């Protein structure tokens, strides 16, 4: 691990000097639990994964069981003399996303490539909240599966994953990789691939004694906010959905073309964050023929419109990147303002989960208050609540 962290420091320092320090601050008050973190390296033997090329781009044609690097954040005891992880500890996970047996030279090549491809220049020495392999807090805790963006790493929103664990949630995530290669597959096949990963993780969670299997939510960002609809349509263990500007809003035809993903028949609650208003000129390629959220008539749907956040800013890996702000400057909002908005995304996420799974009345009040009553700065966000209809949907899940 020291080798990877040294390499990370050398690769990111030059960019950090070029673009300056990050403005991102996740300062939302943590909960009462210490946050533990561990990684499970697993294989889904029911599916194959064809690595068409090796780390150097050479044709490999290797086929085997589907690898699932599974990150787990959990409520923990404070380990004696334990120190919190750095962001570099998360970045080093790039080396084991779809291969668990790389040599040091292969791992260095993968790490360098991914840092370049994802344009990562976040400070690897920044302190996080999680403590690796901290002793588990005994008890029963709801489970949140985090589904990343299209080809996104499992740790892309590590800040909110840690935050939820500090309040008594177990959070699990795996990278968004394709059906047969590292790059995520598009269309329905890709959504179904990630949905099966979600269900595999839920199955794996049954081996963790602290997971309360009656309370399972799936939180998806971007593409993950499409795949979680596919997962919930077939997996009755999922009791709530959350989305950070989920792709289901922009590509509803993918749901209808599946033949089985029917938002009008869903009965589980939904929290959906959207970016600021989108000019018509930016909707080229999007499908606006239907509204997934309006179709969810039999679900309680909370819509939080983040006025000063663009799509990429729902990802704390990008929020931490000074280069992101140089490449994508905002004419209206500063990185500091958007960082504060991300903090409020975390608070509303926690309130939704606490109300849905714990029937916490303070959380319910928070969700139904005006933003101003919650202390939200003016013009930052708006909340819309669409209560479910009392009559039942006409069809059932397959």
Protein backbone atom coordinates (compact mmCIF):
# COMPACT_ATOMS: atom_id res chain seq x y z
CA UNK A 1 0.00 0.00 0.00
CA UNK A 2 2.86 2.43 0.72
CA UNK A 3 4.06 1.92 -2.86
CA UNK A 4 0.66 2.90 -4.24
CA UNK A 5 0.37 5.94 -1.98
CA UNK A 6 3.83 7.16 -2.96
CA UNK A 7 2.98 6.73 -6.62
CA UNK A 8 -0.33 8.55 -6.06
CA UNK A 9 1.47 11.43 -4.41
CA UNK A 10 3.94 11.75 -7.27
CA UNK A 11 1.25 11.52 -9.97
CA UNK A 12 -1.20 13.98 -8.38
CA UNK A 13 1.19 16.54 -6.92
CA UNK A 14 2.14 18.00 -10.30
CA UNK A 15 -1.51 18.51 -11.23
CA UNK A 16 -2.36 19.87 -7.79
CA UNK A 17 0.40 22.47 -8.12
CA UNK A 18 -0.83 23.38 -11.59
CA UNK A 19 -4.45 23.92 -10.58
CA UNK A 20 -4.20 24.93 -6.92
CA UNK A 21 -5.91 23.60 -3.76
CA UNK A 22 -9.40 22.17 -3.70
CA UNK A 23 -12.31 24.27 -2.40
CA UNK A 24 -14.28 21.17 -1.41
CA UNK A 25 -15.21 20.84 2.27
CA UNK A 26 -17.52 18.10 3.53
CA UNK A 27 -18.17 19.67 6.90
CA UNK A 28 -21.57 18.18 7.71
CA UNK A 29 -21.60 16.99 11.31
CA UNK A 30 -20.88 13.24 11.52
CA UNK A 31 -23.06 10.89 13.52
CA UNK A 32 -22.32 9.08 16.80
CA UNK A 33 -20.50 6.10 15.27
CA UNK A 34 -16.90 5.70 14.28
CA UNK A 35 -16.75 4.73 10.59
CA UNK A 36 -15.11 1.46 9.67
CA UNK A 37 -14.05 0.48 6.17
CA UNK A 38 -13.03 -2.75 4.51
CA UNK A 39 -12.89 -4.31 1.05
CA UNK A 40 -14.22 -7.72 0.05
CA UNK A 41 -12.82 -9.23 -3.14
CA UNK A 42 -15.47 -11.52 -4.58
CA UNK A 43 -16.48 -13.37 -7.73
CA UNK A 44 -19.98 -13.89 -9.06
CA UNK A 45 -19.67 -17.42 -10.38
CA UNK A 46 -23.10 -17.25 -12.02
CA UNK A 47 -21.72 -14.81 -14.63
CA UNK A 48 -18.63 -14.71 -16.79
CA UNK A 49 -16.36 -11.74 -17.39
CA UNK A 50 -14.19 -11.61 -20.48
CA UNK A 51 -11.06 -9.51 -20.12
CA UNK A 52 -10.39 -8.84 -23.79
CA UNK A 53 -7.14 -6.99 -23.10
CA UNK A 54 -4.59 -6.98 -20.34
CA UNK A 55 -3.36 -3.85 -18.52
CA UNK A 56 -0.94 -3.05 -21.36
CA UNK A 57 -3.62 -3.26 -24.06
CA UNK A 58 -2.48 -6.66 -25.32
CA UNK A 59 -5.17 -9.05 -26.51
CA UNK A 60 -5.74 -11.51 -23.70
CA UNK A 61 -9.09 -13.28 -24.34
CA UNK A 62 -9.26 -14.37 -20.74
CA UNK A 63 -12.60 -15.46 -19.39
CA UNK A 64 -13.65 -16.22 -15.84
CA UNK A 65 -16.17 -15.43 -13.12
CA UNK A 66 -17.26 -11.80 -12.80
CA UNK A 67 -15.05 -9.95 -10.27
CA UNK A 68 -16.74 -7.67 -7.74
CA UNK A 69 -14.54 -5.39 -5.66
CA UNK A 70 -16.97 -4.60 -2.84
CA UNK A 71 -16.34 -1.62 -0.58
CA UNK A 72 -18.03 -1.65 2.82
CA UNK A 73 -18.48 1.28 5.17
CA UNK A 74 -19.99 0.41 8.55
CA UNK A 75 -20.61 1.65 12.11
CA UNK A 76 -17.58 0.72 14.19
CA UNK A 77 -15.83 0.95 17.53
CA UNK A 78 -12.88 3.28 17.72
CA UNK A 79 -9.81 1.10 17.22
CA UNK A 80 -6.93 1.77 19.65
CA UNK A 81 -4.31 4.09 18.11
CA UNK A 82 -6.16 3.94 14.81
CA UNK A 83 -5.77 6.75 12.33
CA UNK A 84 -8.27 7.80 9.69
CA UNK A 85 -7.74 6.89 6.06
CA UNK A 86 -6.52 9.39 3.50
CA UNK A 87 -8.14 10.06 0.17
CA UNK A 88 -5.13 8.35 -1.36
CA UNK A 89 -6.28 5.11 0.29
CA UNK A 90 -9.44 5.34 -1.81
CA UNK A 91 -7.59 6.28 -4.98
CA UNK A 92 -5.35 3.25 -4.57
CA UNK A 93 -8.45 1.06 -5.04
CA UNK A 94 -8.24 1.81 -8.76
CA UNK A 95 -5.69 -1.01 -8.99
CA UNK A 96 -8.15 -3.77 -8.00
CA UNK A 97 -11.44 -2.83 -9.65
CA UNK A 98 -11.65 -5.83 -11.97
CA UNK A 99 -8.47 -7.77 -11.23
CA UNK A 100 -7.31 -8.89 -7.81
CA UNK A 101 -3.95 -10.43 -8.72
CA UNK A 102 -1.93 -7.71 -10.47
CA UNK A 103 1.82 -7.51 -10.04
CA UNK A 104 3.31 -4.25 -8.72
CA UNK A 105 4.28 -3.10 -12.21
CA UNK A 106 0.82 -3.95 -13.60
CA UNK A 107 -0.84 -2.15 -10.70
CA UNK A 108 1.30 0.93 -11.29
CA UNK A 109 0.27 0.95 -14.95
CA UNK A 110 -3.43 0.63 -14.08
CA UNK A 111 -3.21 3.34 -11.44
CA UNK A 112 -1.47 5.77 -13.76
CA UNK A 113 -3.98 5.11 -16.54
CA UNK A 114 -7.03 5.55 -14.30
CA UNK A 115 -5.75 8.73 -12.69
CA UNK A 116 -5.29 10.10 -16.21
CA UNK A 117 -8.61 8.81 -17.59
CA UNK A 118 -10.62 10.11 -14.62
CA UNK A 119 -8.55 13.34 -14.55
CA UNK A 120 -7.91 12.86 -10.84
CA UNK A 121 -5.82 15.49 -9.12
CA UNK A 122 -7.41 15.38 -5.67
CA UNK A 123 -5.03 15.65 -2.74
CA UNK A 124 -4.14 12.05 -1.78
CA UNK A 125 -3.08 13.19 1.71
CA UNK A 126 -6.49 14.67 2.58
CA UNK A 127 -7.88 13.04 5.72
CA UNK A 128 -11.13 11.11 5.58
CA UNK A 129 -13.42 9.83 8.34
CA UNK A 130 -13.14 6.06 7.87
CA UNK A 131 -10.76 3.80 9.75
CA UNK A 132 -9.67 0.76 7.83
CA UNK A 133 -10.73 -2.57 9.39
CA UNK A 134 -12.02 -0.91 12.57
CA UNK A 135 -13.88 -3.29 14.93
CA UNK A 136 -17.54 -3.63 13.99
CA UNK A 137 -20.22 -2.07 16.18
CA UNK A 138 -22.66 -4.79 17.20
CA UNK A 139 -26.30 -4.27 16.37
CA UNK A 140 -28.62 -4.24 13.38
CA UNK A 141 -28.26 -1.49 10.79
CA UNK A 142 -30.08 -0.68 7.52
CA UNK A 143 -28.18 -1.35 4.31
CA UNK A 144 -27.56 1.17 1.52
CA UNK A 145 -26.16 -0.10 -1.78
CA UNK A 146 -24.38 2.67 -3.68
CA UNK A 147 -24.51 2.30 -7.48
CA UNK A 148 -21.83 4.46 -9.22
CA UNK A 149 -22.06 6.45 -12.43
CA UNK A 150 -21.27 5.06 -15.89
CA UNK A 151 -17.86 3.32 -15.50
CA UNK A 152 -17.45 5.12 -12.18
CA UNK A 153 -15.35 3.82 -9.27
CA UNK A 154 -17.12 2.53 -6.18
CA UNK A 155 -15.58 5.27 -4.00
CA UNK A 156 -16.64 8.24 -6.16
CA UNK A 157 -18.96 9.46 -3.37
CA UNK A 158 -16.93 8.17 -0.44
CA UNK A 159 -17.73 11.31 1.58
CA UNK A 160 -21.46 10.60 1.71
CA UNK A 161 -20.87 6.86 2.17
CA UNK A 162 -18.76 7.61 5.25
CA UNK A 163 -21.35 10.13 6.46
CA UNK A 164 -24.19 7.59 6.32
CA UNK A 165 -22.10 4.97 8.13
CA UNK A 166 -21.47 7.45 10.96
CA UNK A 167 -25.24 7.58 11.48
CA UNK A 168 -25.72 3.83 11.69
CA UNK A 169 -26.00 2.63 8.09
CA UNK A 170 -23.96 -0.07 6.38
CA UNK A 171 -23.03 1.08 2.88
CA UNK A 172 -21.75 -1.19 0.12
CA UNK A 173 -20.54 -0.36 -3.38
CA UNK A 174 -18.86 -1.99 -6.36
CA UNK A 175 -17.36 -0.33 -9.46
CA UNK A 176 -19.52 0.26 -12.52
CA UNK A 177 -17.95 -2.11 -15.05
CA UNK A 178 -19.33 -3.62 -18.22
CA UNK A 179 -20.74 -7.03 -18.89
CA UNK A 180 -17.62 -8.28 -20.65
CA UNK A 181 -14.96 -5.61 -20.20
CA UNK A 182 -13.92 -2.81 -17.88
CA UNK A 183 -15.89 -0.06 -19.64
CA UNK A 184 -19.56 -0.06 -18.72
CA UNK A 185 -21.91 -1.40 -21.40
CA UNK A 186 -24.52 1.05 -22.69
CA UNK A 187 -28.27 0.64 -23.00
CA UNK A 188 -30.40 -2.01 -21.34
CA UNK A 189 -27.58 -4.63 -21.20
CA UNK A 190 -25.45 -2.26 -19.13
CA UNK A 191 -28.28 -1.32 -16.80
CA UNK A 192 -29.09 -4.98 -16.26
CA UNK A 193 -25.42 -5.76 -15.61
CA UNK A 194 -25.21 -3.18 -12.84
CA UNK A 195 -28.62 -4.24 -11.49
CA UNK A 196 -27.31 -7.80 -11.13
CA UNK A 197 -24.25 -6.44 -9.31
CA UNK A 198 -26.62 -4.68 -6.90
CA UNK A 199 -28.56 -7.87 -6.23
CA UNK A 200 -25.31 -9.82 -5.79
CA UNK A 201 -24.20 -7.34 -3.13
CA UNK A 202 -27.55 -7.67 -1.36
CA UNK A 203 -27.08 -11.42 -1.33
CA UNK A 204 -23.56 -11.03 0.02
CA UNK A 205 -24.86 -8.75 2.77
CA UNK A 206 -26.70 -11.71 4.31
CA UNK A 207 -23.30 -12.94 5.49
CA UNK A 208 -22.86 -9.77 7.57
CA UNK A 209 -24.66 -10.26 10.91
CA UNK A 210 -25.14 -6.53 11.46
CA UNK A 211 -27.17 -5.96 8.28
CA UNK A 212 -30.91 -5.48 8.81
CA UNK A 213 -32.12 -7.22 5.66
CA UNK A 214 -35.65 -5.81 6.04
CA UNK A 215 -34.35 -2.29 5.41
CA UNK A 216 -32.40 -2.05 2.14
CA UNK A 217 -32.09 1.02 -0.10
CA UNK A 218 -30.21 1.58 -3.34
CA UNK A 219 -28.64 4.96 -3.98
CA UNK A 220 -27.55 5.56 -7.57
CA UNK A 221 -25.66 8.44 -9.12
CA UNK A 222 -26.17 9.21 -12.82
CA UNK A 223 -26.16 5.81 -14.60
CA UNK A 224 -26.51 4.14 -11.22
CA UNK A 225 -29.74 6.12 -10.87
CA UNK A 226 -31.08 4.16 -13.84
CA UNK A 227 -29.71 0.75 -12.89
CA UNK A 228 -31.31 0.94 -9.44
CA UNK A 229 -34.75 1.07 -11.11
CA UNK A 230 -33.86 -2.11 -13.01
CA UNK A 231 -32.71 -3.76 -9.77
CA UNK A 232 -35.83 -2.77 -7.80
CA UNK A 233 -38.14 -4.02 -10.58
CA UNK A 234 -36.92 -7.59 -9.97
CA UNK A 235 -35.58 -7.58 -6.41
CA UNK A 236 -38.25 -7.27 -3.71
CA UNK A 237 -35.58 -6.96 -1.03
CA UNK A 238 -35.09 -3.33 -2.10
CA UNK A 239 -37.38 -1.11 -0.02
CA UNK A 240 -36.34 2.40 -1.10
CA UNK A 241 -34.62 4.17 -3.98
CA UNK A 242 -32.46 7.30 -4.05
CA UNK A 243 -30.85 9.02 -7.04
CA UNK A 244 -28.28 11.75 -7.50
CA UNK A 245 -29.41 13.25 -10.82
CA UNK A 246 -30.23 9.74 -11.98
CA UNK A 247 -30.24 8.82 -15.66
CA UNK A 248 -33.76 7.41 -15.36
CA UNK A 249 -34.95 11.02 -15.61
CA UNK A 250 -33.22 11.54 -18.94
CA UNK A 251 -33.68 8.13 -20.60
CA UNK A 252 -37.14 6.88 -19.58
CA UNK A 253 -37.45 4.94 -22.83
CA UNK A 254 -34.81 2.48 -21.60
CA UNK A 255 -37.14 1.58 -18.74
CA UNK A 256 -40.18 1.14 -20.95
CA UNK A 257 -38.25 -0.84 -23.58
CA UNK A 258 -37.15 -3.34 -20.93
CA UNK A 259 -40.74 -4.59 -20.68
CA UNK A 260 -40.55 -5.09 -16.92
CA UNK A 261 -39.31 -1.84 -15.36
CA UNK A 262 -42.60 -0.03 -14.73
CA UNK A 263 -42.33 3.05 -12.47
CA UNK A 264 -46.15 3.29 -12.44
CA UNK A 265 -46.26 -0.04 -10.61
CA UNK A 266 -43.59 0.72 -8.03
CA UNK A 267 -44.71 1.21 -4.44
CA UNK A 268 -41.43 1.99 -2.66
CA UNK A 269 -40.45 5.54 -1.65
CA UNK A 270 -38.07 7.59 -3.76
CA UNK A 271 -35.72 10.51 -3.11
CA UNK A 272 -34.50 12.12 -6.33
CA UNK A 273 -31.99 14.97 -6.53
CA UNK A 274 -31.88 16.92 -9.76
CA UNK A 275 -29.32 19.38 -11.10
CA UNK A 276 -30.21 23.02 -11.75
CA UNK A 277 -32.48 23.96 -14.61
CA UNK A 278 -31.26 22.55 -17.93
CA UNK A 279 -31.34 24.72 -21.07
CA UNK A 280 -33.09 23.08 -24.00
CA UNK A 281 -29.83 23.29 -25.93
CA UNK A 282 -28.24 20.85 -23.49
CA UNK A 283 -30.98 18.24 -23.83
CA UNK A 284 -29.73 16.97 -27.20
CA UNK A 285 -29.67 13.16 -26.97
CA UNK A 286 -31.90 13.02 -23.92
CA UNK A 287 -35.38 11.50 -24.06
CA UNK A 288 -38.03 13.81 -22.60
CA UNK A 289 -41.03 11.90 -23.93
CA UNK A 290 -42.05 10.81 -20.44
CA UNK A 291 -41.43 11.59 -16.77
CA UNK A 292 -40.36 8.65 -14.64
CA UNK A 293 -40.99 10.62 -11.46
CA UNK A 294 -44.52 11.61 -12.48
CA UNK A 295 -45.27 7.99 -13.33
CA UNK A 296 -44.44 6.85 -9.79
CA UNK A 297 -47.97 7.56 -8.64
CA UNK A 298 -48.03 4.76 -6.05
CA UNK A 299 -44.80 5.82 -4.34
CA UNK A 300 -43.96 8.68 -2.02
CA UNK A 301 -41.59 10.73 -4.17
CA UNK A 302 -39.40 13.52 -2.82
CA UNK A 303 -37.71 15.68 -5.46
CA UNK A 304 -34.90 17.99 -4.34
CA UNK A 305 -33.84 20.44 -7.03
CA UNK A 306 -30.28 21.64 -6.45
CA UNK A 307 -30.22 25.01 -8.19
CA UNK A 308 -26.45 25.53 -8.17
CA UNK A 309 -25.25 22.00 -8.94
CA UNK A 310 -24.44 20.57 -12.34
CA UNK A 311 -24.45 16.85 -13.05
CA UNK A 312 -20.76 16.24 -12.27
CA UNK A 313 -20.96 17.99 -8.92
CA UNK A 314 -23.01 15.20 -7.37
CA UNK A 315 -19.70 13.30 -7.38
CA UNK A 316 -17.32 14.23 -4.56
CA UNK A 317 -14.35 12.88 -6.54
CA UNK A 318 -14.98 15.71 -9.01
CA UNK A 319 -15.80 18.18 -6.25
CA UNK A 320 -12.34 17.48 -4.76
CA UNK A 321 -10.61 18.14 -8.09
CA UNK A 322 -9.24 21.65 -8.73
CA UNK A 323 -8.74 20.63 -12.37
CA UNK A 324 -12.48 19.87 -12.70
CA UNK A 325 -13.31 23.48 -11.90
CA UNK A 326 -10.69 24.75 -14.33
CA UNK A 327 -12.08 22.56 -17.11
CA UNK A 328 -15.73 23.24 -16.21
CA UNK A 329 -15.91 26.79 -14.84
CA UNK A 330 -19.27 28.00 -13.62
CA UNK A 331 -20.43 31.47 -14.63
CA UNK A 332 -22.89 31.69 -11.75
CA UNK A 333 -21.72 29.67 -8.75
CA UNK A 334 -18.39 29.29 -7.01
CA UNK A 335 -16.85 25.92 -6.07
CA UNK A 336 -17.36 26.91 -2.42
CA UNK A 337 -21.11 27.37 -2.96
CA UNK A 338 -21.40 24.06 -4.78
CA UNK A 339 -19.41 22.34 -2.05
CA UNK A 340 -21.93 23.64 0.49
CA UNK A 341 -24.75 22.32 -1.71
CA UNK A 342 -23.15 18.87 -1.66
CA UNK A 343 -23.27 19.01 2.14
CA UNK A 344 -27.03 19.61 1.98
CA UNK A 345 -27.39 16.66 -0.39
CA UNK A 346 -25.92 14.56 2.41
CA UNK A 347 -28.35 15.95 4.98
CA UNK A 348 -31.43 15.36 2.87
CA UNK A 349 -30.21 11.85 2.02
CA UNK A 350 -29.86 11.02 5.71
CA UNK A 351 -33.26 12.51 6.56
CA UNK A 352 -34.98 10.43 3.86
CA UNK A 353 -33.36 7.21 5.11
CA UNK A 354 -34.06 8.01 8.76
CA UNK A 355 -37.73 8.67 8.02
CA UNK A 356 -38.14 5.69 5.68
CA UNK A 357 -36.39 3.08 7.82
CA UNK A 358 -36.53 4.48 11.36
CA UNK A 359 -39.74 6.51 11.30
CA UNK A 360 -37.78 9.38 12.83
CA UNK A 361 -40.22 12.28 13.23
CA UNK A 362 -37.45 14.89 13.22
CA UNK A 363 -36.32 13.52 9.86
CA UNK A 364 -39.87 13.69 8.54
CA UNK A 365 -40.17 17.29 9.70
CA UNK A 366 -36.88 18.08 7.96
CA UNK A 367 -38.15 16.62 4.69
CA UNK A 368 -41.45 18.51 4.82
CA UNK A 369 -40.10 21.83 6.13
CA UNK A 370 -39.39 24.67 3.79
CA UNK A 371 -35.66 24.77 3.00
CA UNK A 372 -35.40 28.10 4.85
CA UNK A 373 -36.83 26.49 8.00
CA UNK A 374 -34.01 23.92 7.84
CA UNK A 375 -31.39 26.66 7.57
CA UNK A 376 -30.69 26.14 3.88
CA UNK A 377 -29.16 29.27 2.30
CA UNK A 378 -31.54 31.12 0.00
CA UNK A 379 -31.88 30.04 -3.63
CA UNK A 380 -29.85 26.86 -3.08
CA UNK A 381 -32.55 24.20 -3.42
CA UNK A 382 -36.27 23.51 -3.60
CA UNK A 383 -38.18 20.46 -2.36
CA UNK A 384 -41.25 18.94 -3.95
CA UNK A 385 -43.22 16.08 -2.35
CA UNK A 386 -45.52 13.92 -4.45
CA UNK A 387 -47.46 11.66 -2.04
CA UNK A 388 -48.50 8.24 -3.22
CA UNK A 389 -52.02 7.45 -4.32
CA UNK A 390 -53.92 5.12 -2.04
CA UNK A 391 -55.16 2.78 -4.75
CA UNK A 392 -52.91 -0.09 -5.72
CA UNK A 393 -51.07 -0.50 -9.04
CA UNK A 394 -52.78 -2.70 -11.59
CA UNK A 395 -49.89 -5.10 -12.23
CA UNK A 396 -47.36 -6.92 -10.15
CA UNK A 397 -43.62 -7.48 -10.53
CA UNK A 398 -42.53 -10.47 -12.63
